[in-house]
């Protein structure tokens, strides 16, 4: 028998994880950019930040899908 968390609890936990994900992801993305793109041209910066700016959505979608599951 599988027990599930109530919807409110799942949403609270999910929002906490999304906030942590965004903060940690932003710090890691900027650290990588500073370490690798210091002397790169402007278009390399643009491409990196476009890619990394969208990439965080993938784990966030997994968390949101878990939050939206029915009881």
C-alpha atoms as a PDB file:
ATOM      1  CA  UNK A   1       0.000   0.000   0.000  1.00  0.00           C
ATOM      2  CA  UNK A   2       1.383   3.364  -1.015  1.00  0.00           C
ATOM      3  CA  UNK A   3       0.664   6.430   1.057  1.00  0.00           C
ATOM      4  CA  UNK A   4       0.777   9.847  -0.559  1.00  0.00           C
ATOM      5  CA  UNK A   5       1.266  13.264   0.915  1.00  0.00           C
ATOM      6  CA  UNK A   6      -1.655  15.667   0.987  1.00  0.00           C
ATOM      7  CA  UNK A   7      -1.738  18.170  -1.858  1.00  0.00           C
ATOM      8  CA  UNK A   8      -0.924  21.155   0.359  1.00  0.00           C
ATOM      9  CA  UNK A   9       2.145  19.457   1.806  1.00  0.00           C
ATOM     10  CA  UNK A  10       3.400  18.451  -1.657  1.00  0.00           C
ATOM     11  CA  UNK A  11       2.984  22.018  -2.901  1.00  0.00           C
ATOM     12  CA  UNK A  12       4.805  23.482   0.093  1.00  0.00           C
ATOM     13  CA  UNK A  13       7.702  21.017  -0.274  1.00  0.00           C
ATOM     14  CA  UNK A  14       7.782  21.580  -4.047  1.00  0.00           C
ATOM     15  CA  UNK A  15       7.925  25.351  -3.722  1.00  0.00           C
ATOM     16  CA  UNK A  16      10.773  25.055  -1.229  1.00  0.00           C
ATOM     17  CA  UNK A  17      12.711  22.820  -3.635  1.00  0.00           C
ATOM     18  CA  UNK A  18      12.059  25.148  -6.589  1.00  0.00           C
ATOM     19  CA  UNK A  19      13.380  28.153  -4.664  1.00  0.00           C
ATOM     20  CA  UNK A  20      16.467  26.190  -3.590  1.00  0.00           C
ATOM     21  CA  UNK A  21      16.921  24.918  -7.161  1.00  0.00           C
ATOM     22  CA  UNK A  22      16.800  28.424  -8.656  1.00  0.00           C
ATOM     23  CA  UNK A  23      19.241  29.903  -6.129  1.00  0.00           C
ATOM     24  CA  UNK A  24      21.756  27.049  -6.353  1.00  0.00           C
ATOM     25  CA  UNK A  25      21.437  26.805 -10.135  1.00  0.00           C
ATOM     26  CA  UNK A  26      22.016  30.541 -10.577  1.00  0.00           C
ATOM     27  CA  UNK A  27      25.121  30.466  -8.379  1.00  0.00           C
ATOM     28  CA  UNK A  28      26.537  27.459 -10.222  1.00  0.00           C
ATOM     29  CA  UNK A  29      25.746  28.906 -13.668  1.00  0.00           C
ATOM     30  CA  UNK A  30      27.401  32.235 -12.872  1.00  0.00           C
ATOM     31  CA  UNK A  31      30.425  30.509 -11.305  1.00  0.00           C
ATOM     32  CA  UNK A  32      30.894  28.397 -14.433  1.00  0.00           C
ATOM     33  CA  UNK A  33      30.506  31.479 -16.623  1.00  0.00           C
ATOM     34  CA  UNK A  34      33.099  33.455 -14.665  1.00  0.00           C
ATOM     35  CA  UNK A  35      35.549  30.546 -14.733  1.00  0.00           C
ATOM     36  CA  UNK A  36      35.201  29.711 -18.423  1.00  0.00           C
ATOM     37  CA  UNK A  37      33.996  32.810 -20.264  1.00  0.00           C
ATOM     38  CA  UNK A  38      36.303  35.481 -18.870  1.00  0.00           C
ATOM     39  CA  UNK A  39      37.935  36.326 -22.204  1.00  0.00           C
ATOM     40  CA  UNK A  40      35.211  35.035 -24.511  1.00  0.00           C
ATOM     41  CA  UNK A  41      33.450  37.304 -27.023  1.00  0.00           C
ATOM     42  CA  UNK A  42      30.015  38.765 -26.293  1.00  0.00           C
ATOM     43  CA  UNK A  43      28.150  36.199 -28.407  1.00  0.00           C
ATOM     44  CA  UNK A  44      29.619  33.320 -26.364  1.00  0.00           C
ATOM     45  CA  UNK A  45      28.281  34.971 -23.216  1.00  0.00           C
ATOM     46  CA  UNK A  46      24.902  35.443 -24.866  1.00  0.00           C
ATOM     47  CA  UNK A  47      24.673  31.830 -26.023  1.00  0.00           C
ATOM     48  CA  UNK A  48      25.800  30.470 -22.670  1.00  0.00           C
ATOM     49  CA  UNK A  49      23.313  32.527 -20.672  1.00  0.00           C
ATOM     50  CA  UNK A  50      20.482  31.777 -23.109  1.00  0.00           C
ATOM     51  CA  UNK A  51      21.167  28.050 -22.769  1.00  0.00           C
ATOM     52  CA  UNK A  52      21.729  28.082 -19.017  1.00  0.00           C
ATOM     53  CA  UNK A  53      18.768  30.401 -18.508  1.00  0.00           C
ATOM     54  CA  UNK A  54      16.419  27.840 -20.010  1.00  0.00           C
ATOM     55  CA  UNK A  55      18.055  24.675 -18.671  1.00  0.00           C
ATOM     56  CA  UNK A  56      16.799  25.127 -15.086  1.00  0.00           C
ATOM     57  CA  UNK A  57      13.252  24.604 -16.359  1.00  0.00           C
ATOM     58  CA  UNK A  58      13.812  20.852 -16.843  1.00  0.00           C
ATOM     59  CA  UNK A  59      14.255  19.943 -13.152  1.00  0.00           C
ATOM     60  CA  UNK A  60      11.599  22.515 -12.211  1.00  0.00           C
ATOM     61  CA  UNK A  61       9.125  20.752 -14.517  1.00  0.00           C
ATOM     62  CA  UNK A  62       9.777  17.472 -12.713  1.00  0.00           C
ATOM     63  CA  UNK A  63       9.101  19.123  -9.359  1.00  0.00           C
ATOM     64  CA  UNK A  64       5.940  20.821 -10.647  1.00  0.00           C
ATOM     65  CA  UNK A  65       4.687  17.554 -12.129  1.00  0.00           C
ATOM     66  CA  UNK A  66       5.179  15.878  -8.751  1.00  0.00           C
ATOM     67  CA  UNK A  67       3.377  18.762  -7.033  1.00  0.00           C
ATOM     68  CA  UNK A  68       0.411  18.453  -9.411  1.00  0.00           C
ATOM     69  CA  UNK A  69      -0.201  14.733  -8.927  1.00  0.00           C
ATOM     70  CA  UNK A  70      -3.666  13.849  -7.684  1.00  0.00           C
ATOM     71  CA  UNK A  71      -4.292  12.474  -4.211  1.00  0.00           C
END
